[in-house]
């Protein structure tokens, strides 16, 4: 469908789906990437509270990735 629509980007977190999209040269963004874009555009103020909510709901984010995300978002 993304190819038919000539989508600029595919939003997907699932590993196999990302691999398929990338093999078809479709630009891929996940949930975290979307949050960073939203912050950059001023749609959200902070990424950290949303990450904390993800973690409280059982989502897994490695401590290293967590810190990298905060760094990209210019948060601490």
C-alpha atoms as a PDB file:
ATOM      1  CA  UNK A   1       0.000   0.000   0.000  1.00  0.00           C
ATOM      2  CA  UNK A   2       2.833   2.426   0.845  1.00  0.00           C
ATOM      3  CA  UNK A   3       4.294   1.838  -2.599  1.00  0.00           C
ATOM      4  CA  UNK A   4       0.940   2.380  -4.290  1.00  0.00           C
ATOM      5  CA  UNK A   5       0.417   5.615  -2.394  1.00  0.00           C
ATOM      6  CA  UNK A   6       4.045   6.682  -2.951  1.00  0.00           C
ATOM      7  CA  UNK A   7       4.309   7.358   0.761  1.00  0.00           C
ATOM      8  CA  UNK A   8       7.127   9.577   1.985  1.00  0.00           C
ATOM      9  CA  UNK A   9       7.571   7.402   5.050  1.00  0.00           C
ATOM     10  CA  UNK A  10       6.272   4.201   6.594  1.00  0.00           C
ATOM     11  CA  UNK A  11       5.439   4.221  10.317  1.00  0.00           C
ATOM     12  CA  UNK A  12       6.219   0.785  11.722  1.00  0.00           C
ATOM     13  CA  UNK A  13       7.920  -0.611  14.821  1.00  0.00           C
ATOM     14  CA  UNK A  14       7.654  -4.328  14.135  1.00  0.00           C
ATOM     15  CA  UNK A  15      11.052  -5.759  13.174  1.00  0.00           C
ATOM     16  CA  UNK A  16      10.010  -7.954  10.239  1.00  0.00           C
ATOM     17  CA  UNK A  17       7.824  -5.216   8.775  1.00  0.00           C
ATOM     18  CA  UNK A  18      10.712  -2.755   8.977  1.00  0.00           C
ATOM     19  CA  UNK A  19      12.986  -5.174   7.140  1.00  0.00           C
ATOM     20  CA  UNK A  20      10.428  -5.670   4.368  1.00  0.00           C
ATOM     21  CA  UNK A  21       9.885  -1.916   3.998  1.00  0.00           C
ATOM     22  CA  UNK A  22      13.622  -1.238   3.920  1.00  0.00           C
ATOM     23  CA  UNK A  23      14.174  -4.005   1.356  1.00  0.00           C
ATOM     24  CA  UNK A  24      11.705  -2.112  -0.859  1.00  0.00           C
ATOM     25  CA  UNK A  25      13.598   1.161  -0.267  1.00  0.00           C
ATOM     26  CA  UNK A  26      10.765   2.693   1.723  1.00  0.00           C
ATOM     27  CA  UNK A  27      11.882   5.179   4.379  1.00  0.00           C
ATOM     28  CA  UNK A  28      10.916   3.817   7.809  1.00  0.00           C
ATOM     29  CA  UNK A  29      10.163   5.671  11.025  1.00  0.00           C
ATOM     30  CA  UNK A  30       9.101   4.096  14.292  1.00  0.00           C
ATOM     31  CA  UNK A  31       7.172   5.479  17.221  1.00  0.00           C
ATOM     32  CA  UNK A  32      10.276   7.037  18.776  1.00  0.00           C
ATOM     33  CA  UNK A  33      11.216   8.706  15.501  1.00  0.00           C
ATOM     34  CA  UNK A  34       7.716  10.092  15.245  1.00  0.00           C
ATOM     35  CA  UNK A  35       8.007  11.525  18.760  1.00  0.00           C
ATOM     36  CA  UNK A  36      11.291  13.220  17.858  1.00  0.00           C
ATOM     37  CA  UNK A  37       9.735  14.710  14.721  1.00  0.00           C
ATOM     38  CA  UNK A  38       6.735  15.924  16.745  1.00  0.00           C
ATOM     39  CA  UNK A  39       9.027  17.630  19.253  1.00  0.00           C
ATOM     40  CA  UNK A  40      11.103  19.241  16.509  1.00  0.00           C
ATOM     41  CA  UNK A  41       7.917  20.625  14.921  1.00  0.00           C
ATOM     42  CA  UNK A  42       6.622  21.900  18.273  1.00  0.00           C
ATOM     43  CA  UNK A  43       3.673  19.506  18.357  1.00  0.00           C
ATOM     44  CA  UNK A  44       4.806  18.139  21.719  1.00  0.00           C
ATOM     45  CA  UNK A  45       6.953  19.878  24.318  1.00  0.00           C
ATOM     46  CA  UNK A  46       8.794  16.882  25.782  1.00  0.00           C
ATOM     47  CA  UNK A  47       9.556  13.315  24.764  1.00  0.00           C
ATOM     48  CA  UNK A  48      10.593  12.088  28.210  1.00  0.00           C
ATOM     49  CA  UNK A  49       7.104  11.897  29.804  1.00  0.00           C
ATOM     50  CA  UNK A  50       5.863   9.880  26.849  1.00  0.00           C
ATOM     51  CA  UNK A  51       8.835   7.508  27.100  1.00  0.00           C
ATOM     52  CA  UNK A  52       8.127   7.126  30.820  1.00  0.00           C
ATOM     53  CA  UNK A  53       4.518   6.274  30.012  1.00  0.00           C
ATOM     54  CA  UNK A  54       5.672   3.650  27.490  1.00  0.00           C
ATOM     55  CA  UNK A  55       7.919   2.092  30.123  1.00  0.00           C
ATOM     56  CA  UNK A  56       5.134   2.071  32.722  1.00  0.00           C
ATOM     57  CA  UNK A  57       2.958   0.211  30.193  1.00  0.00           C
ATOM     58  CA  UNK A  58       5.585  -2.510  29.799  1.00  0.00           C
ATOM     59  CA  UNK A  59       7.247  -1.319  26.605  1.00  0.00           C
ATOM     60  CA  UNK A  60      10.950  -2.100  26.467  1.00  0.00           C
ATOM     61  CA  UNK A  61      13.533   0.576  25.789  1.00  0.00           C
ATOM     62  CA  UNK A  62      17.147  -0.173  26.658  1.00  0.00           C
ATOM     63  CA  UNK A  63      18.803   2.309  29.040  1.00  0.00           C
ATOM     64  CA  UNK A  64      21.343   3.211  26.358  1.00  0.00           C
ATOM     65  CA  UNK A  65      18.647   3.876  23.746  1.00  0.00           C
ATOM     66  CA  UNK A  66      16.627   5.830  26.318  1.00  0.00           C
ATOM     67  CA  UNK A  67      19.578   8.151  26.931  1.00  0.00           C
ATOM     68  CA  UNK A  68      20.256   8.481  23.189  1.00  0.00           C
ATOM     69  CA  UNK A  69      16.637   9.471  22.583  1.00  0.00           C
ATOM     70  CA  UNK A  70      16.772  12.095  25.318  1.00  0.00           C
ATOM     71  CA  UNK A  71      20.001  13.411  23.820  1.00  0.00           C
ATOM     72  CA  UNK A  72      18.434  13.701  20.361  1.00  0.00           C
ATOM     73  CA  UNK A  73      15.449  15.456  21.944  1.00  0.00           C
ATOM     74  CA  UNK A  74      17.822  17.735  23.878  1.00  0.00           C
ATOM     75  CA  UNK A  75      16.315  16.619  27.164  1.00  0.00           C
ATOM     76  CA  UNK A  76      17.924  15.156  30.252  1.00  0.00           C
END
